[in-house]
Each structure stands twice: as C-alpha cells, then as structure tokens.
Amino acid sequence: MLGLVYKIILLLILLNNIGAQPDSRFSPFDWVLYSGARKISSITEGFTFAYIGTESGGLKRFNLFGNYFDEPITTAQGLENNNITAVHFDKGTGLIWVSTPQHIQYSFSREGDWYSFDLQNLGLSKYDQIKQIGSSSNYIWLKARSSYVKLGNSSGTLIGIYPSPDELNINWSSGKYIGQNDIKEILMNYHILDGWTLNGDQLLDRLGRISTISTGFIGNHGNVFLGSDNGDIFFGTKTMETLSPVIPDIDNTDVLSLYKSVDQLWVGSYDFISSKGISKLDMRTNSSQLYSFEETINMTPSPIYSIYQSDHEVWAGGEGLILYFDQKDNYWRTLGEGRGSPSGKIWDLYGNEVHIWAASSMGLRRIERATMSEDPIGIEGYFEQRHVYDVTEIDDQIWIGSIMGLYIFSYDNPQLLQANDIGRKNFPERFYKITAIEEYNRLIYVVGEMGIAKFNMEEREWDLLYTSGVYQGKTVYSLAVNDKYLFLGTDNGLIRVNKRTGLIKDYLFPFIGQINEIVLEEKIVWLGTSTGLVKFKWKRDL
C-alpha cells in the first residue's frame, strides 16, 4: 500500500512538471524575456547568483563574482507567473524555490525544469500568498497569510500546516521589510552612492523622489542587498559599508517599438507610466540606460509607437508628438503638431539625409530634419484621417502601407502610384490594410489582409506567396526577412515561414504575447512584445 502511495506522489509530480518549459526542443535560455521589475519582493543567495524576486520581471540573477546581471528567469523558463512573491535557495539540497500568486515551484537545475504545485492543493485558500520561504536541514517552510506550510525539501511533499514552525533552526530568505533589526542597522550606518539618500526606511533619488524599502537581505559572505517598492536594487558589502544602485536589463514592462543601432537597441513602450521612459540596451552586456520621462527636460510622457535613429539623432513617435534626441549635445525636444508631427498614433518613422517621414493613425507627414518643421510634398491630403501603418524608402521611392492599400511615391516622377501601377500582378486579391513592408535582395515583401505578397524589382512582377489563411488570418504587426525565412510577428506569437518550402513553424507561447516589432540578427531574433523584450536563439530550432 505504501508503495502505491509513493507511485501516486511521483505521478503527481511528473504531471505538475508537464509544460514546465515552453518546449522540450529548447534549452532554458534559448528564450529570454526582459521586463521591468516594478517592486522587489524577495531576495536569496545561491552558490553563484543572488536571486531577486520582482513583481513583474520574474527572477533577476545577480552574479556574485562578476557583480553583473545574467539572464533572468521568467515564464520563458517555465515559471507560472512573473510576479514573484517569495524566493529561496536551499543550500543543503541546491534547489531553488519560487512562489507566485497561485503556485510554489522548485528546480534542480536552478534554470529550467520547474516542478509546480498549486497552493490550493497544499491546503491553502485561493486568497493565500506565500510571503517568505525558508529551509531547515530536512524541510522547506512556506510562510503564508496566517499559517506555515511544511514541505519535504527534495520532493515538495506536504508534511503539514502549522500556526507556527515546530523547528527553530530555519534559514529564511528575505520577505517584506517591517523594521527587522539587521536591515535597520544597515539603513542607519551605510552610505548610499550615485546621488541617492537614505532617510530612515525611505530612499530619495537625486531628484528628491521618494521610494520605500520593500525588502533587504544579508548574505553569508557579507553581501548586502536592498530592494524598493519602485523596482530599484542596491548592492553593497559589510566591508565597505556602502550601497550602490544596480540595474537589471530594462525598466520597460512592455515593448511597442524597437530600433537597432550597431550593438544597441532603442526600446519604447505603450505603458509609459510603468516603463518610465525610453531605454537604450547594450546587446552585448544586457546593461541599459533609461531616458526617464520624469527626469528629462522637454521629454513629454507618451506611448512610444516607433523609433528611428541615425546620425546621432533619435526620433521617437508618440501620441500626436515626436520626441527628438540629439545624442551629441545630449538634449531632448518635443515636436508637436505645430512642428509637423501628425496627430494620432505615430506607427512608423523613416528617415533619409534630409527628411523624416511619419506614418500615423491619422495620416502621413514629412518633416525637414534641419528645421524640425513640416515640409509638405503634396500627397499628404490623400491620407488625411486614414491609417498609415508603414513607410520606408526603396530605390529613391517612398513606399507607403495604409489601410487603403499600398502606394509608391517617386522623387524622379513626382506622383502617387498604387502597387498595381508599377508591375504585373499575378493574383486577383487586392492590396488592403498593408501593415508591414520589407525589402531584401531586390525583393519587396508586403503583408496585408490578402496575405504575403512579393515584388521582384528586376522583373517588375507581383506574386502572392501565401494567403492570410496560412497564418490563420491573424493581424501581422511586424515582418523580418533573411535568405531563407520570413518572420511574422502576430497578435499572439511568432511565425517563421521557410521561403523555399513554405514550411511554417508557430511559436505561440503565452509568455510572448503580441509582437509589435522584430529585429533579426544572424543567430538571434529580438521581439518587442506586449510582455516585454524577448530574445530568441532561433537557429537552435532549424
């Protein structure tokens, strides 16, 4: 009978582990999700990393030997939720334990292969949350709202629920800061650097903004960590008695716009309150710099729908405005409708040496870069009060994707042409709601409600590669192309199409969300999504 019980427990563990990672084809960090922290909830220290639990960015991993942030652990590695309520590293077993609003999980590898238990199956109510996790020599302890749950430390088997622990030597990771003496002593005696000030239990940044200490942790080797309710993380040592802010990847909680410039990604968000501003991410080190709306003069807060960068200038399209950044002189300006910015949502920006073209939900505008003022060309009235989704320049022609169709403006022969006018069209479907245009090796690919069409620039001929039924009629928000593949960003995931065979691979994992922008490299594809910034090592799945 006892053997049968063990078999049932093992079966339940295996069932709980199904779906612990997106797909068995991938290693734990083939997919990485970067998202802002919001609030720091819990901190623990392992053999190599300090694990920092956040409210919206999963687990941030701080390398204790190199003092830098490695790839985070999120739903892309199999966590149930990116809202971490508590985390604990059990040095006796080497397992890491993580709690989210409805689950407790643990991992042997400390990267993927997460075993998950529903809190209600452990006897807690659906309103309970784990606030703190600790371990003794043989058990794991979970501190809930009004009780303590005792688990086996290698299997998660429920031992019992107690009003208080029946063991004394429990090693707890950090929970909510409520004036604990060891952390309070640090707040009284340590100096904080980089323009920050400690005022009792509060933090003041260089602009005088106040945040509150949410949690604190002291490691076995004298490492000290503090976290705030605003997502700020501070690291120091008992030897130096100083604390410095450390920044994990990006502050953006969602990503609506991306632009790659050499080894940097410019990142803009729809939720400009939680995301705080525009980030510049170093793709080699995963370190970032935030241009904060609240801190920066002449930087009007707005959702950022599009970004364009060249010649030390950054142009960011918002809601009825364009933000301009001069990187040489380090200043920002806001260009409103009076300076030529179109009204509505500025979906796309494209620039050449003289002009910036802005495509918006209310039309099309051309802005002279030197004067930062509108420079009309005569075709703007045709798109007035109509959605224009994409604008780009190919062979001295401006290609315009709009709700009405696909249009081409030629500088040599100034007139507005439709796609049908520039070459033979080998399919009856009409061009409508063109959301993405991409040129690669003298072939132009466009996506609309008809599907994916290709224009051969040498033969002047249009062909319909795939109808929209191939990708289930989903809205395609972004497109990237290389020698062999088309990458489509849709409202619920990524689709990769083999151009030669037509073979389609869907990546519809919940952690991806809606893909707003794609940046394609040789081995990595970066996705700006509604859940954050996603990095995918796509060549692992060939």
Protein backbone atom coordinates (compact mmCIF):
# COMPACT_ATOMS: atom_id res chain seq x y z
CA MET A 1 0.00 0.00 0.00
CA LEU A 2 2.84 2.36 0.90
CA GLY A 3 4.48 1.67 -2.47
CA LEU A 4 1.26 2.65 -4.23
CA VAL A 5 1.19 5.98 -2.34
CA TYR A 6 4.76 6.75 -3.46
CA LYS A 7 3.85 5.95 -7.08
CA ILE A 8 0.85 8.30 -6.92
CA ILE A 9 3.01 11.09 -5.47
CA LEU A 10 5.62 10.56 -8.20
CA LEU A 11 2.92 10.63 -10.88
CA LEU A 12 1.52 13.89 -9.49
CA ILE A 13 5.00 15.43 -9.56
CA LEU A 14 5.52 14.38 -13.17
CA LEU A 15 2.11 15.74 -14.18
CA ASN A 16 2.87 19.03 -12.47
CA ASN A 17 6.10 19.26 -14.46
CA ILE A 18 4.37 18.97 -17.84
CA GLY A 19 4.72 22.27 -19.63
CA ALA A 20 7.39 23.45 -17.18
CA GLN A 21 9.29 24.85 -20.14
CA PRO A 22 7.92 26.22 -23.41
CA ASP A 23 9.10 23.27 -25.47
CA SER A 24 11.45 20.32 -24.96
CA ARG A 25 13.35 21.36 -28.10
CA PHE A 26 14.83 24.35 -26.32
CA SER A 27 17.47 24.86 -23.66
CA PRO A 28 16.40 27.03 -20.70
CA PHE A 29 17.82 30.27 -22.11
CA ASP A 30 17.07 29.83 -25.80
CA TRP A 31 14.14 32.11 -24.98
CA VAL A 32 14.72 35.07 -22.64
CA LEU A 33 12.16 37.63 -21.51
CA TYR A 34 13.35 41.01 -20.21
CA SER A 35 10.76 43.06 -18.34
CA GLY A 36 10.79 45.79 -15.71
CA ALA A 37 10.71 44.84 -12.04
CA ARG A 38 8.11 47.26 -10.60
CA LYS A 39 8.59 46.09 -6.97
CA ILE A 40 11.29 43.95 -5.34
CA SER A 41 9.59 41.30 -3.20
CA SER A 42 12.25 38.83 -2.02
CA ILE A 43 15.99 38.12 -2.20
CA THR A 44 18.07 34.97 -1.63
CA GLU A 45 21.68 33.96 -2.25
CA GLY A 46 22.89 30.82 -4.01
CA PHE A 47 26.29 29.42 -4.93
CA THR A 48 26.83 31.72 -7.93
CA PHE A 49 23.90 34.15 -8.03
CA ALA A 50 21.77 36.29 -5.82
CA TYR A 51 18.17 35.67 -6.90
CA ILE A 52 15.97 38.76 -6.73
CA GLY A 53 12.21 38.29 -6.93
CA THR A 54 10.26 41.06 -8.65
CA GLU A 55 6.62 41.95 -9.08
CA SER A 56 6.58 41.81 -12.90
CA GLY A 57 10.05 40.83 -14.18
CA GLY A 58 10.45 37.32 -12.76
CA LEU A 59 13.72 36.39 -11.06
CA LYS A 60 16.70 38.66 -11.69
CA ARG A 61 20.03 36.82 -11.29
CA PHE A 62 22.94 38.88 -9.96
CA ASN A 63 26.35 37.22 -10.44
CA LEU A 64 28.13 37.36 -7.08
CA PHE A 65 31.62 37.07 -8.58
CA GLY A 66 31.31 39.44 -11.53
CA ASN A 67 28.77 41.86 -10.00
CA TYR A 68 26.57 41.87 -13.10
CA PHE A 69 23.10 40.63 -14.02
CA ASP A 70 22.84 37.42 -16.01
CA GLU A 71 19.77 36.28 -17.97
CA PRO A 72 16.60 36.46 -15.84
CA ILE A 73 14.35 33.51 -15.04
CA THR A 74 10.76 34.14 -16.12
CA THR A 75 7.79 32.39 -17.67
CA ALA A 76 10.11 31.76 -20.64
CA GLN A 77 11.97 29.26 -18.44
CA GLY A 78 8.79 27.72 -17.03
CA LEU A 79 7.73 29.91 -14.13
CA GLU A 80 3.96 30.08 -13.69
CA ASN A 81 3.97 33.85 -13.35
CA ASN A 82 6.45 36.75 -13.48
CA ASN A 83 5.03 38.10 -10.22
CA ILE A 84 7.37 36.55 -7.63
CA THR A 85 6.03 36.72 -4.07
CA ALA A 86 8.98 34.87 -2.46
CA VAL A 87 12.19 33.05 -3.45
CA HIS A 88 14.60 30.82 -1.53
CA PHE A 89 17.81 28.94 -2.32
CA ASP A 90 18.24 25.81 -0.19
CA LYS A 91 21.99 25.31 0.08
CA GLY A 92 21.51 21.88 1.62
CA THR A 93 19.88 20.43 -1.50
CA GLY A 94 20.92 23.01 -4.11
CA LEU A 95 17.26 23.53 -5.09
CA ILE A 96 15.74 26.95 -5.70
CA TRP A 97 12.14 27.53 -4.60
CA VAL A 98 9.89 30.22 -6.07
CA SER A 99 6.34 31.21 -5.16
CA THR A 100 3.93 33.07 -7.40
CA PRO A 101 0.33 34.10 -6.57
CA GLN A 102 -1.15 30.60 -7.09
CA HIS A 103 1.83 28.25 -7.11
CA ILE A 104 5.01 27.07 -5.44
CA GLN A 105 7.76 25.74 -7.74
CA TYR A 106 11.24 24.29 -7.42
CA SER A 107 14.07 23.41 -9.79
CA PHE A 108 17.07 21.07 -9.53
CA SER A 109 18.97 22.84 -12.31
CA ARG A 110 18.08 26.32 -10.98
CA GLU A 111 17.35 27.36 -14.58
CA GLY A 112 14.54 25.28 -16.10
CA ASP A 113 12.63 22.03 -15.47
CA TRP A 114 10.38 23.57 -12.86
CA TYR A 115 8.17 21.35 -10.72
CA SER A 116 4.98 23.18 -9.82
CA PHE A 117 2.35 22.74 -7.10
CA ASP A 118 -0.96 24.55 -6.84
CA LEU A 119 -1.22 26.26 -3.44
CA GLN A 120 -4.82 25.12 -3.04
CA ASN A 121 -3.66 21.51 -3.36
CA LEU A 122 -1.38 22.17 -0.38
CA GLY A 123 -4.38 23.14 1.75
CA LEU A 124 -4.19 26.92 1.35
CA SER A 125 -7.08 29.07 0.18
CA LYS A 126 -7.12 30.77 -3.20
CA TYR A 127 -6.61 34.09 -1.39
CA ASP A 128 -3.39 32.95 0.32
CA GLN A 129 0.02 34.01 -0.94
CA ILE A 130 3.45 32.82 0.14
CA LYS A 131 5.22 35.79 1.71
CA GLN A 132 8.51 34.15 2.68
CA ILE A 133 10.34 30.84 2.18
CA GLY A 134 12.91 29.19 4.44
CA SER A 135 14.64 25.84 4.90
CA SER A 136 15.90 23.62 7.70
CA SER A 137 18.09 20.55 7.35
CA ASN A 138 15.22 18.39 6.07
CA TYR A 139 12.29 20.66 5.26
CA ILE A 140 11.09 23.68 3.33
CA TRP A 141 8.90 26.22 5.16
CA LEU A 142 6.39 28.48 3.47
CA LYS A 143 5.07 31.49 5.37
CA ALA A 144 1.52 32.24 4.23
CA ARG A 145 -1.01 34.79 5.45
CA SER A 146 -1.72 33.17 8.83
CA SER A 147 -0.02 29.78 8.71
CA TYR A 148 3.21 27.95 7.94
CA VAL A 149 3.38 25.10 5.40
CA LYS A 150 6.00 22.39 5.90
CA LEU A 151 7.24 20.50 2.81
CA GLY A 152 9.81 17.83 2.10
CA ASN A 153 12.92 19.59 0.86
CA SER A 154 13.60 17.29 -2.12
CA SER A 155 10.11 16.47 -3.39
CA GLY A 156 7.74 19.17 -2.17
CA THR A 157 5.64 16.57 -0.35
CA LEU A 158 3.26 18.20 2.10
CA ILE A 159 4.20 17.40 5.70
CA GLY A 160 1.73 19.66 7.50
CA ILE A 161 0.31 23.12 8.12
CA TYR A 162 1.12 24.82 11.42
CA PRO A 163 0.24 28.09 13.19
CA SER A 164 3.99 28.47 13.84
CA PRO A 165 7.05 26.37 12.86
CA ASP A 166 7.91 23.35 15.00
CA GLU A 167 11.63 23.85 14.23
CA LEU A 168 13.99 26.54 15.46
CA ASN A 169 16.91 26.46 13.02
CA ILE A 170 15.20 27.74 9.89
CA ASN A 171 17.20 29.77 7.37
CA TRP A 172 14.78 32.32 5.87
CA SER A 173 15.24 34.32 2.73
CA SER A 174 14.09 37.91 2.75
CA GLY A 175 10.45 38.87 2.94
CA LYS A 176 8.69 42.18 3.38
CA TYR A 177 10.73 44.73 5.30
CA ILE A 178 8.93 45.64 8.52
CA GLY A 179 11.81 47.10 10.51
CA GLN A 180 13.91 43.97 11.11
CA ASN A 181 16.90 44.86 13.28
CA ASP A 182 19.69 43.64 10.97
CA ILE A 183 18.35 45.60 7.97
CA LYS A 184 17.53 48.62 10.13
CA GLU A 185 21.13 48.72 11.33
CA ILE A 186 22.33 48.81 7.72
CA LEU A 187 19.96 51.65 6.90
CA MET A 188 21.34 53.63 9.85
CA ASN A 189 25.06 53.04 9.23
CA TYR A 190 25.64 52.59 5.50
CA HIS A 191 26.26 55.27 2.88
CA ILE A 192 24.37 55.13 -0.41
CA LEU A 193 26.07 56.32 -3.61
CA ASP A 194 25.19 57.84 -7.02
CA GLY A 195 23.13 60.71 -5.68
CA TRP A 196 20.79 58.59 -3.53
CA THR A 197 19.99 59.31 0.12
CA LEU A 198 18.69 57.09 2.91
CA ASN A 199 16.10 58.68 5.17
CA GLY A 200 15.04 56.11 7.72
CA ASP A 201 13.14 53.44 5.80
CA GLN A 202 12.87 55.61 2.71
CA LEU A 203 15.05 56.19 -0.34
CA LEU A 204 15.44 59.57 -2.03
CA ASP A 205 16.91 59.74 -5.52
CA ARG A 206 18.83 62.70 -6.92
CA LEU A 207 15.57 64.43 -7.88
CA GLY A 208 14.10 64.04 -4.40
CA ARG A 209 11.60 61.34 -5.37
CA ILE A 210 10.72 59.00 -2.52
CA SER A 211 10.51 55.22 -2.60
CA THR A 212 10.23 52.77 0.28
CA ILE A 213 12.46 49.85 1.23
CA SER A 214 10.43 46.74 0.37
CA THR A 215 12.94 44.02 1.33
CA GLY A 216 16.54 43.51 2.42
CA PHE A 217 18.95 40.59 2.60
CA ILE A 218 22.38 39.94 4.13
CA GLY A 219 24.35 37.05 2.57
CA ASN A 220 26.72 34.61 4.24
CA HIS A 221 29.80 36.36 2.84
CA GLY A 222 28.82 39.89 3.80
CA ASN A 223 26.92 40.80 0.64
CA VAL A 224 24.07 43.22 1.28
CA PHE A 225 21.03 43.75 -0.94
CA LEU A 226 18.15 46.18 -0.66
CA GLY A 227 15.06 46.38 -2.86
CA SER A 228 12.47 49.13 -3.15
CA ASP A 229 8.78 49.33 -3.99
CA ASN A 230 9.79 51.20 -7.17
CA GLY A 231 11.94 48.34 -8.50
CA ASP A 232 15.32 49.81 -7.51
CA ILE A 233 18.01 47.33 -6.39
CA PHE A 234 21.04 48.25 -4.27
CA PHE A 235 24.15 46.15 -3.64
CA GLY A 236 26.98 46.56 -1.15
CA THR A 237 29.22 44.74 1.30
CA LYS A 238 29.69 44.81 5.05
CA THR A 239 33.35 45.62 4.50
CA MET A 240 32.80 48.87 2.59
CA GLU A 241 29.51 49.81 4.28
CA THR A 242 28.28 51.45 1.07
CA LEU A 243 25.37 50.65 -1.24
CA SER A 244 25.17 51.33 -4.98
CA PRO A 245 22.20 51.04 -7.35
CA VAL A 246 22.48 48.15 -9.82
CA ILE A 247 20.30 47.98 -12.95
CA PRO A 248 18.97 44.65 -14.31
CA ASP A 249 18.40 44.80 -18.11
CA ILE A 250 15.46 47.19 -18.89
CA ASP A 251 12.77 49.07 -17.00
CA ASN A 252 10.20 48.59 -19.77
CA THR A 253 7.33 46.31 -18.80
CA ASP A 254 6.09 46.08 -22.39
CA VAL A 255 7.78 46.88 -25.71
CA LEU A 256 5.90 48.59 -28.51
CA SER A 257 8.86 49.83 -30.58
CA LEU A 258 12.44 48.69 -31.27
CA TYR A 259 15.29 50.11 -33.31
CA LYS A 260 18.74 48.52 -33.67
CA SER A 261 21.78 50.77 -34.00
CA VAL A 262 25.10 48.85 -34.15
CA ASP A 263 25.14 46.95 -30.82
CA GLN A 264 22.35 48.91 -29.17
CA LEU A 265 18.60 48.53 -29.05
CA TRP A 266 16.36 51.53 -28.51
CA VAL A 267 13.23 50.41 -26.66
CA GLY A 268 9.88 52.20 -26.31
CA SER A 269 6.69 51.13 -24.54
CA TYR A 270 2.94 51.63 -24.59
CA ASP A 271 2.70 51.67 -20.79
CA PHE A 272 4.88 54.73 -20.32
CA ILE A 273 4.00 55.03 -16.62
CA SER A 274 5.28 51.61 -15.51
CA SER A 275 8.03 51.60 -18.14
CA LYS A 276 9.11 55.12 -17.13
CA GLY A 277 10.76 56.15 -20.41
CA ILE A 278 12.86 55.06 -23.40
CA SER A 279 15.65 52.55 -22.81
CA LYS A 280 18.92 52.04 -24.66
CA LEU A 281 20.04 48.41 -24.24
CA ASP A 282 23.60 47.24 -24.88
CA MET A 283 23.01 43.93 -26.67
CA ARG A 284 26.43 42.55 -25.68
CA THR A 285 26.21 43.13 -21.92
CA ASN A 286 22.43 43.42 -21.37
CA SER A 287 23.07 46.66 -19.48
CA SER A 288 20.78 49.59 -20.19
CA GLN A 289 20.39 53.32 -19.84
CA LEU A 290 16.94 54.79 -19.20
CA TYR A 291 15.88 58.19 -20.53
CA SER A 292 13.17 58.84 -17.99
CA PHE A 293 10.15 60.98 -18.87
CA GLU A 294 10.00 62.27 -15.33
CA GLU A 295 13.68 63.19 -15.10
CA THR A 296 14.37 64.61 -18.57
CA ILE A 297 13.61 68.17 -19.55
CA ASN A 298 11.47 68.60 -22.71
CA MET A 299 10.67 64.88 -22.88
CA THR A 300 6.86 64.69 -22.86
CA PRO A 301 5.45 61.41 -21.47
CA SER A 302 3.75 59.35 -24.19
CA PRO A 303 3.39 55.82 -25.51
CA ILE A 304 6.24 55.23 -27.98
CA TYR A 305 4.92 53.53 -31.11
CA SER A 306 8.01 53.88 -33.30
CA ILE A 307 11.72 54.76 -33.12
CA TYR A 308 14.23 55.81 -35.78
CA GLN A 309 17.93 56.54 -35.19
CA SER A 310 20.70 57.86 -37.47
CA ASP A 311 23.50 60.42 -37.49
CA HIS A 312 23.47 60.79 -33.71
CA GLU A 313 19.76 61.64 -33.74
CA VAL A 314 16.90 59.64 -32.25
CA TRP A 315 13.29 60.22 -33.32
CA ALA A 316 10.51 58.56 -31.30
CA GLY A 317 6.88 58.61 -32.44
CA GLY A 318 4.27 59.01 -29.72
CA GLU A 319 0.64 60.09 -29.43
CA GLY A 320 0.38 63.22 -31.59
CA LEU A 321 4.02 64.10 -30.98
CA ILE A 322 7.58 63.18 -31.86
CA LEU A 323 10.39 63.11 -29.30
CA TYR A 324 13.76 64.20 -30.72
CA PHE A 325 17.10 63.38 -29.05
CA ASP A 326 20.43 64.93 -30.03
CA GLN A 327 22.98 62.36 -28.83
CA LYS A 328 25.98 64.65 -29.38
CA ASP A 329 24.68 67.52 -27.27
CA ASN A 330 22.58 65.25 -25.02
CA TYR A 331 19.24 67.05 -25.09
CA TRP A 332 15.63 66.15 -25.88
CA ARG A 333 12.88 68.12 -27.62
CA THR A 334 9.18 67.50 -28.12
CA LEU A 335 7.78 68.24 -31.59
CA GLY A 336 4.02 68.66 -31.53
CA GLU A 337 1.51 69.05 -34.32
CA GLY A 338 2.59 72.67 -34.75
CA ARG A 339 6.03 71.46 -35.89
CA GLY A 340 4.67 68.92 -38.37
CA SER A 341 4.06 65.89 -36.21
CA PRO A 342 0.90 64.12 -37.37
CA SER A 343 -1.95 63.66 -34.92
CA GLY A 344 -2.90 60.22 -33.70
CA LYS A 345 -0.61 57.28 -33.06
CA ILE A 346 2.65 57.53 -34.98
CA TRP A 347 3.02 53.90 -36.08
CA ASP A 348 6.23 54.27 -38.08
CA LEU A 349 9.14 56.63 -38.71
CA TYR A 350 11.63 56.55 -41.55
CA GLY A 351 14.43 59.00 -42.31
CA ASN A 352 16.92 59.88 -45.02
CA GLU A 353 19.56 62.61 -45.07
CA VAL A 354 17.01 65.40 -45.48
CA HIS A 355 13.63 64.28 -44.19
CA ILE A 356 11.79 62.22 -41.59
CA TRP A 357 8.59 60.53 -42.77
CA ALA A 358 5.95 59.89 -40.11
CA ALA A 359 3.09 57.40 -40.63
CA SER A 360 0.22 57.66 -38.17
CA SER A 361 -3.33 56.59 -37.47
CA MET A 362 -4.41 59.98 -38.83
CA GLY A 363 -2.27 60.29 -41.95
CA LEU A 364 1.21 60.94 -43.31
CA ARG A 365 3.68 63.78 -42.75
CA ARG A 366 7.15 64.74 -43.96
CA ILE A 367 9.44 66.72 -41.64
CA GLU A 368 12.63 68.51 -42.63
CA ARG A 369 15.42 67.40 -40.32
CA ALA A 370 17.36 70.68 -40.38
CA THR A 371 14.43 72.89 -39.33
CA MET A 372 12.39 70.22 -37.49
CA SER A 373 9.31 71.57 -39.26
CA GLU A 374 6.79 70.09 -41.67
CA ASP A 375 7.85 70.09 -45.30
CA PRO A 376 4.74 69.09 -47.31
CA ILE A 377 5.19 67.25 -50.58
CA GLY A 378 1.60 67.34 -51.82
CA ILE A 379 0.38 63.81 -51.18
CA GLU A 380 -0.49 64.27 -47.51
CA GLY A 381 -4.12 65.15 -48.20
CA TYR A 382 -4.79 61.77 -49.78
CA PHE A 383 -4.03 60.01 -46.46
CA GLU A 384 -5.72 62.57 -44.19
CA GLN A 385 -7.68 60.93 -41.33
CA ARG A 386 -6.66 57.47 -42.58
CA HIS A 387 -4.43 54.83 -41.03
CA VAL A 388 -0.90 54.69 -42.41
CA TYR A 389 0.99 51.75 -40.87
CA ASP A 390 4.39 51.63 -42.55
CA VAL A 391 6.63 53.95 -44.55
CA THR A 392 10.06 53.23 -45.98
CA GLU A 393 12.35 54.26 -48.84
CA ILE A 394 13.47 51.80 -51.55
CA ASP A 395 15.47 52.91 -54.58
CA ASP A 396 14.57 56.59 -54.14
CA GLN A 397 10.90 55.73 -53.85
CA ILE A 398 8.75 56.11 -50.76
CA TRP A 399 6.65 53.01 -50.12
CA ILE A 400 3.53 53.60 -48.01
CA GLY A 401 1.45 50.86 -46.40
CA SER A 402 -2.01 52.06 -45.38
CA ILE A 403 -5.49 50.84 -44.63
CA MET A 404 -6.43 51.74 -48.22
CA GLY A 405 -3.63 49.76 -49.80
CA LEU A 406 -0.01 50.04 -50.94
CA TYR A 407 1.28 53.25 -52.54
CA ILE A 408 4.58 54.36 -54.03
CA PHE A 409 5.83 57.93 -54.37
CA SER A 410 8.72 58.52 -56.79
CA TYR A 411 11.03 61.53 -56.48
CA ASP A 412 12.05 61.27 -60.15
CA ASN A 413 8.47 61.43 -61.43
CA PRO A 414 6.51 63.05 -58.59
CA GLN A 415 3.24 61.21 -58.47
CA LEU A 416 1.48 58.78 -56.16
CA LEU A 417 1.18 55.30 -57.68
CA GLN A 418 -0.65 52.22 -56.48
CA ALA A 419 1.08 48.84 -56.28
CA ASN A 420 -0.80 47.68 -59.38
CA ASP A 421 0.76 50.51 -61.40
CA ILE A 422 4.41 49.51 -61.04
CA GLY A 423 4.34 45.96 -62.41
CA ARG A 424 2.33 42.95 -63.40
CA LYS A 425 0.14 41.49 -60.63
CA ASN A 426 -0.35 37.72 -60.81
CA PHE A 427 -3.20 37.36 -58.31
CA PRO A 428 -6.73 38.75 -58.05
CA GLU A 429 -6.72 39.69 -54.36
CA ARG A 430 -6.46 43.42 -53.82
CA PHE A 431 -3.97 45.18 -51.61
CA TYR A 432 -5.70 46.26 -48.40
CA LYS A 433 -4.57 47.14 -44.88
CA ILE A 434 -0.84 46.84 -45.60
CA THR A 435 0.79 46.65 -42.16
CA ALA A 436 4.41 45.77 -43.00
CA ILE A 437 6.88 46.34 -45.86
CA GLU A 438 10.36 44.82 -46.04
CA GLU A 439 12.98 44.76 -48.83
CA TYR A 440 15.62 42.03 -49.09
CA ASN A 441 17.92 41.24 -52.03
CA ARG A 442 15.87 43.21 -54.58
CA LEU A 443 12.66 41.53 -53.46
CA ILE A 444 9.98 43.52 -51.62
CA TYR A 445 7.68 41.68 -49.22
CA VAL A 446 4.41 43.21 -48.05
CA VAL A 447 1.84 41.90 -45.57
CA GLY A 448 -1.84 42.77 -45.67
CA GLU A 449 -5.27 41.24 -45.42
CA MET A 450 -4.67 39.40 -48.71
CA GLY A 451 -1.63 37.63 -47.20
CA ILE A 452 2.06 37.96 -48.05
CA ALA A 453 2.95 39.29 -51.50
CA LYS A 454 6.37 39.60 -53.13
CA PHE A 455 7.51 42.14 -55.74
CA ASN A 456 10.51 41.27 -57.92
CA MET A 457 12.21 44.58 -58.60
CA GLU A 458 14.10 43.28 -61.63
CA GLU A 459 11.17 41.55 -63.36
CA ARG A 460 8.60 44.14 -62.15
CA GLU A 461 6.20 41.40 -61.13
CA TRP A 462 3.91 40.76 -58.15
CA ASP A 463 3.23 37.26 -56.77
CA LEU A 464 1.13 36.18 -53.82
CA LEU A 465 3.34 33.90 -51.72
CA TYR A 466 0.78 32.95 -49.06
CA THR A 467 -2.80 33.84 -48.30
CA SER A 468 -3.62 35.09 -44.81
CA GLY A 469 -5.11 31.66 -44.08
CA VAL A 470 -1.58 30.30 -43.77
CA TYR A 471 -1.24 32.25 -40.51
CA GLN A 472 -4.92 31.84 -39.55
CA GLY A 473 -5.85 35.34 -40.64
CA LYS A 474 -4.05 36.90 -37.69
CA THR A 475 -3.02 40.52 -37.78
CA VAL A 476 0.67 40.79 -38.64
CA TYR A 477 2.26 43.74 -36.83
CA SER A 478 5.87 43.18 -37.86
CA LEU A 479 7.96 41.43 -40.51
CA ALA A 480 11.63 40.45 -40.86
CA VAL A 481 13.35 38.67 -43.75
CA ASN A 482 16.63 36.85 -44.39
CA ASP A 483 17.93 34.46 -47.06
CA LYS A 484 15.71 31.54 -46.11
CA TYR A 485 12.92 32.73 -43.83
CA LEU A 486 10.14 35.18 -43.21
CA PHE A 487 9.46 36.06 -39.57
CA LEU A 488 5.95 37.31 -38.81
CA GLY A 489 5.03 38.99 -35.54
CA THR A 490 1.33 38.48 -34.79
CA ASP A 491 -1.12 39.32 -32.04
CA ASN A 492 -0.26 36.16 -30.09
CA GLY A 493 3.17 34.89 -31.15
CA LEU A 494 5.88 34.43 -33.76
CA ILE A 495 5.52 32.60 -37.09
CA ARG A 496 8.53 31.51 -39.17
CA VAL A 497 8.00 30.67 -42.83
CA ASN A 498 10.52 28.84 -45.00
CA LYS A 499 10.56 30.81 -48.25
CA ARG A 500 11.59 27.81 -50.35
CA THR A 501 9.37 25.05 -48.95
CA GLY A 502 6.55 27.05 -47.38
CA LEU A 503 7.00 25.11 -44.14
CA ILE A 504 5.61 27.07 -41.21
CA LYS A 505 6.66 26.96 -37.57
CA ASP A 506 4.49 28.57 -34.93
CA TYR A 507 5.87 29.90 -31.66
CA LEU A 508 2.67 30.72 -29.81
CA PHE A 509 3.93 30.55 -26.23
CA PRO A 510 1.91 32.62 -23.74
CA PHE A 511 4.99 34.48 -22.48
CA ILE A 512 5.48 36.10 -25.91
CA GLY A 513 2.17 37.96 -26.24
CA GLN A 514 1.62 40.35 -29.15
CA ILE A 515 4.75 41.01 -31.22
CA ASN A 516 4.94 44.67 -32.16
CA GLU A 517 8.45 44.80 -33.64
CA ILE A 518 11.16 42.37 -34.83
CA VAL A 519 14.93 42.87 -35.05
CA LEU A 520 16.60 39.96 -36.82
CA GLU A 521 20.28 39.04 -36.44
CA GLU A 522 22.26 36.07 -37.74
CA LYS A 523 21.57 33.83 -34.73
CA ILE A 524 19.18 35.84 -32.57
CA VAL A 525 15.84 37.48 -33.12
CA TRP A 526 14.72 40.26 -30.78
CA LEU A 527 10.99 40.72 -30.30
CA GLY A 528 9.28 43.81 -28.92
CA THR A 529 6.16 42.35 -27.33
CA SER A 530 3.29 43.21 -25.03
CA THR A 531 5.03 41.23 -22.25
CA GLY A 532 8.46 42.85 -22.63
CA LEU A 533 11.60 42.35 -24.72
CA VAL A 534 12.06 38.75 -25.90
CA LYS A 535 15.34 37.29 -27.17
CA PHE A 536 15.16 34.03 -29.14
CA LYS A 537 18.14 31.98 -30.37
CA TRP A 538 16.23 30.95 -33.45
CA LYS A 539 18.96 28.88 -35.08
CA ARG A 540 18.57 26.27 -32.32
CA ASP A 541 15.32 25.25 -33.98
CA LEU A 542 16.36 24.56 -37.58
